[in-house]
Amino acid sequence: MPTRNLTEPLEIGTIVKILNSGYSRARIAEYRGPLGPRGARIYRVLVQKKPRPVYIEVREDQLEVLDNGSAQPNK
């Protein structure tokens, strides 16, 4: 199920799945803002792909949150 329209953007570090992409997990790296069609929220997500990580920009409705919405701070 896609992420419901929240009043606040998703937190950086939240684990998500990109729908219809083939990637199993990704981590939100940056909230880019309401840059999409009709003000859709855009996120930059990090996919751990070998040999190096890949950054992809997607709309919020293309994301499914995999954890409880709590972000893990980077250490």
N, C-alpha and C. Protein backbone atom coordinates (compact mmCIF):
# COMPACT_ATOMS: atom_id res chain seq x y z
N MET A 1 0.83 -1.16 0.00
CA MET A 1 0.00 0.00 0.00
C MET A 1 0.88 1.23 0.00
N PRO A 2 0.63 2.20 -0.85
CA PRO A 2 1.44 3.41 -0.89
C PRO A 2 1.30 4.22 0.39
N THR A 3 2.25 5.08 0.61
CA THR A 3 2.22 5.94 1.78
C THR A 3 1.02 6.87 1.69
N ARG A 4 0.27 6.98 2.79
CA ARG A 4 -0.87 7.89 2.78
C ARG A 4 -0.38 9.33 2.82
N ASN A 5 -1.20 10.26 2.39
CA ASN A 5 -0.80 11.65 2.33
C ASN A 5 -0.69 12.21 3.75
N LEU A 6 0.51 12.35 4.25
CA LEU A 6 0.76 12.83 5.59
C LEU A 6 0.91 14.34 5.58
N THR A 7 0.70 14.95 6.74
CA THR A 7 0.89 16.39 6.82
C THR A 7 2.37 16.74 6.86
N GLU A 8 3.19 15.86 7.41
CA GLU A 8 4.64 16.06 7.48
C GLU A 8 5.34 15.11 6.52
N PRO A 9 6.46 15.52 5.94
CA PRO A 9 7.21 14.61 5.07
C PRO A 9 7.82 13.46 5.87
N LEU A 10 8.16 12.39 5.18
CA LEU A 10 8.82 11.26 5.83
C LEU A 10 10.18 11.68 6.34
N GLU A 11 10.63 11.06 7.42
CA GLU A 11 11.91 11.43 8.02
C GLU A 11 13.08 10.83 7.24
N ILE A 12 14.19 11.52 7.26
CA ILE A 12 15.41 11.02 6.65
C ILE A 12 15.85 9.78 7.42
N GLY A 13 16.20 8.74 6.70
CA GLY A 13 16.61 7.49 7.31
C GLY A 13 15.52 6.44 7.37
N THR A 14 14.29 6.79 7.02
CA THR A 14 13.19 5.84 7.03
C THR A 14 13.42 4.79 5.94
N ILE A 15 13.19 3.52 6.28
CA ILE A 15 13.34 2.43 5.33
C ILE A 15 12.04 2.30 4.54
N VAL A 16 12.15 2.30 3.22
CA VAL A 16 10.99 2.24 2.33
C VAL A 16 11.23 1.23 1.22
N LYS A 17 10.16 0.90 0.53
CA LYS A 17 10.22 0.09 -0.69
C LYS A 17 9.72 0.98 -1.82
N ILE A 18 10.42 0.94 -2.96
CA ILE A 18 9.98 1.68 -4.14
C ILE A 18 9.06 0.75 -4.93
N LEU A 19 7.80 1.12 -5.03
CA LEU A 19 6.81 0.26 -5.68
C LEU A 19 7.13 0.08 -7.16
N ASN A 20 6.89 -1.12 -7.66
CA ASN A 20 7.06 -1.48 -9.08
C ASN A 20 8.47 -1.21 -9.60
N SER A 21 9.49 -1.38 -8.74
CA SER A 21 10.85 -1.09 -9.16
C SER A 21 11.77 -2.31 -9.16
N GLY A 22 11.46 -3.32 -8.37
CA GLY A 22 12.34 -4.47 -8.24
C GLY A 22 13.33 -4.33 -7.10
N TYR A 23 13.44 -3.14 -6.52
CA TYR A 23 14.31 -2.94 -5.37
C TYR A 23 13.55 -3.33 -4.11
N SER A 24 14.18 -4.12 -3.25
CA SER A 24 13.48 -4.59 -2.06
C SER A 24 13.46 -3.54 -0.95
N ARG A 25 14.57 -2.81 -0.74
CA ARG A 25 14.64 -1.82 0.32
C ARG A 25 15.44 -0.62 -0.13
N ALA A 26 15.08 0.52 0.43
CA ALA A 26 15.82 1.76 0.18
C ALA A 26 15.69 2.62 1.42
N ARG A 27 16.55 3.60 1.56
CA ARG A 27 16.54 4.50 2.71
C ARG A 27 16.39 5.93 2.20
N ILE A 28 15.49 6.69 2.84
CA ILE A 28 15.30 8.08 2.44
C ILE A 28 16.54 8.87 2.82
N ALA A 29 17.14 9.52 1.82
CA ALA A 29 18.36 10.29 2.04
C ALA A 29 18.08 11.79 2.13
N GLU A 30 17.02 12.25 1.44
CA GLU A 30 16.75 13.69 1.40
C GLU A 30 15.30 13.92 0.99
N TYR A 31 14.68 14.90 1.62
CA TYR A 31 13.37 15.38 1.19
C TYR A 31 13.61 16.55 0.26
N ARG A 32 13.23 16.40 -1.01
CA ARG A 32 13.53 17.43 -2.01
C ARG A 32 12.48 18.53 -2.06
N GLY A 33 11.26 18.25 -1.60
CA GLY A 33 10.23 19.26 -1.58
C GLY A 33 9.08 18.92 -2.50
N PRO A 34 8.09 19.80 -2.59
CA PRO A 34 6.93 19.58 -3.45
C PRO A 34 7.23 19.94 -4.91
N LEU A 35 8.08 19.18 -5.53
CA LEU A 35 8.55 19.49 -6.89
C LEU A 35 7.84 18.71 -7.98
N GLY A 36 7.03 17.74 -7.62
CA GLY A 36 6.39 16.88 -8.60
C GLY A 36 5.12 17.49 -9.18
N PRO A 37 4.44 16.73 -10.03
CA PRO A 37 3.19 17.21 -10.61
C PRO A 37 2.17 17.52 -9.53
N ARG A 38 1.52 18.68 -9.64
CA ARG A 38 0.52 19.14 -8.68
C ARG A 38 1.08 19.19 -7.25
N GLY A 39 2.36 19.49 -7.12
CA GLY A 39 2.97 19.65 -5.81
C GLY A 39 3.28 18.36 -5.09
N ALA A 40 3.40 17.25 -5.81
CA ALA A 40 3.72 15.96 -5.19
C ALA A 40 5.10 16.04 -4.53
N ARG A 41 5.23 15.45 -3.35
CA ARG A 41 6.50 15.46 -2.62
C ARG A 41 7.50 14.52 -3.30
N ILE A 42 8.72 15.01 -3.42
CA ILE A 42 9.79 14.24 -4.06
C ILE A 42 10.84 13.91 -3.00
N TYR A 43 11.30 12.66 -3.02
CA TYR A 43 12.33 12.19 -2.09
C TYR A 43 13.51 11.64 -2.87
N ARG A 44 14.69 11.83 -2.33
CA ARG A 44 15.89 11.19 -2.85
C ARG A 44 16.15 9.99 -1.96
N VAL A 45 16.17 8.79 -2.54
CA VAL A 45 16.37 7.58 -1.76
C VAL A 45 17.67 6.89 -2.17
N LEU A 46 18.26 6.22 -1.20
CA LEU A 46 19.52 5.50 -1.40
C LEU A 46 19.22 4.02 -1.47
N VAL A 47 19.61 3.39 -2.58
CA VAL A 47 19.46 1.95 -2.77
C VAL A 47 20.85 1.34 -2.67
N GLN A 48 21.03 0.40 -1.76
CA GLN A 48 22.33 -0.28 -1.61
C GLN A 48 22.46 -1.33 -2.71
N LYS A 49 23.14 -0.95 -3.77
CA LYS A 49 23.32 -1.83 -4.92
C LYS A 49 24.82 -2.00 -5.16
N LYS A 50 25.25 -3.21 -5.42
CA LYS A 50 26.67 -3.45 -5.63
C LYS A 50 27.03 -3.11 -7.06
N PRO A 51 28.19 -2.61 -7.37
CA PRO A 51 29.33 -2.36 -6.49
C PRO A 51 29.25 -1.05 -5.73
N ARG A 52 28.33 -0.14 -6.07
CA ARG A 52 28.23 1.12 -5.34
C ARG A 52 26.76 1.49 -5.19
N PRO A 53 26.45 2.28 -4.18
CA PRO A 53 25.06 2.68 -3.94
C PRO A 53 24.51 3.57 -5.06
N VAL A 54 23.19 3.56 -5.20
CA VAL A 54 22.51 4.33 -6.23
C VAL A 54 21.50 5.25 -5.56
N TYR A 55 21.45 6.51 -5.99
CA TYR A 55 20.46 7.46 -5.51
C TYR A 55 19.39 7.62 -6.59
N ILE A 56 18.11 7.59 -6.16
CA ILE A 56 16.99 7.71 -7.09
C ILE A 56 16.02 8.73 -6.50
N GLU A 57 15.44 9.57 -7.35
CA GLU A 57 14.41 10.50 -6.90
C GLU A 57 13.05 9.97 -7.29
N VAL A 58 12.13 9.89 -6.30
CA VAL A 58 10.80 9.33 -6.53
C VAL A 58 9.75 10.18 -5.83
N ARG A 59 8.51 10.05 -6.29
CA ARG A 59 7.38 10.72 -5.64
C ARG A 59 6.98 9.94 -4.40
N GLU A 60 6.33 10.63 -3.48
CA GLU A 60 5.90 10.00 -2.23
C GLU A 60 4.91 8.86 -2.48
N ASP A 61 4.05 8.99 -3.49
CA ASP A 61 3.07 7.93 -3.75
C ASP A 61 3.69 6.67 -4.35
N GLN A 62 4.98 6.71 -4.68
CA GLN A 62 5.68 5.54 -5.18
C GLN A 62 6.43 4.81 -4.07
N LEU A 63 6.28 5.26 -2.82
CA LEU A 63 6.99 4.68 -1.70
C LEU A 63 6.05 3.96 -0.76
N GLU A 64 6.55 2.88 -0.17
CA GLU A 64 5.83 2.15 0.87
C GLU A 64 6.77 2.05 2.07
N VAL A 65 6.35 2.53 3.22
CA VAL A 65 7.18 2.51 4.42
C VAL A 65 7.26 1.08 4.93
N LEU A 66 8.49 0.58 5.18
CA LEU A 66 8.68 -0.79 5.63
C LEU A 66 8.81 -0.90 7.14
N ASP A 67 9.25 0.16 7.81
CA ASP A 67 9.34 0.10 9.27
C ASP A 67 8.19 0.89 9.86
N ASN A 68 8.23 1.14 11.15
CA ASN A 68 7.14 1.84 11.82
C ASN A 68 7.19 3.34 11.65
N GLY A 69 7.96 3.83 10.69
CA GLY A 69 8.06 5.26 10.45
C GLY A 69 9.11 5.94 11.28
N SER A 70 9.81 5.18 12.12
CA SER A 70 10.85 5.79 12.94
C SER A 70 12.18 5.71 12.21
N ALA A 71 12.83 6.82 12.12
CA ALA A 71 14.11 6.89 11.42
C ALA A 71 15.25 6.61 12.39
N GLN A 72 16.26 5.96 11.91
CA GLN A 72 17.46 5.71 12.69
C GLN A 72 18.47 6.79 12.38
N PRO A 73 18.91 7.55 13.38
CA PRO A 73 19.89 8.61 13.10
C PRO A 73 21.22 8.02 12.64
N ASN A 74 21.87 8.72 11.73
CA ASN A 74 23.18 8.27 11.25
C ASN A 74 24.20 8.47 12.36
N LYS A 75 25.04 7.46 12.51
CA LYS A 75 26.08 7.54 13.56
C LYS A 75 27.43 7.69 12.94
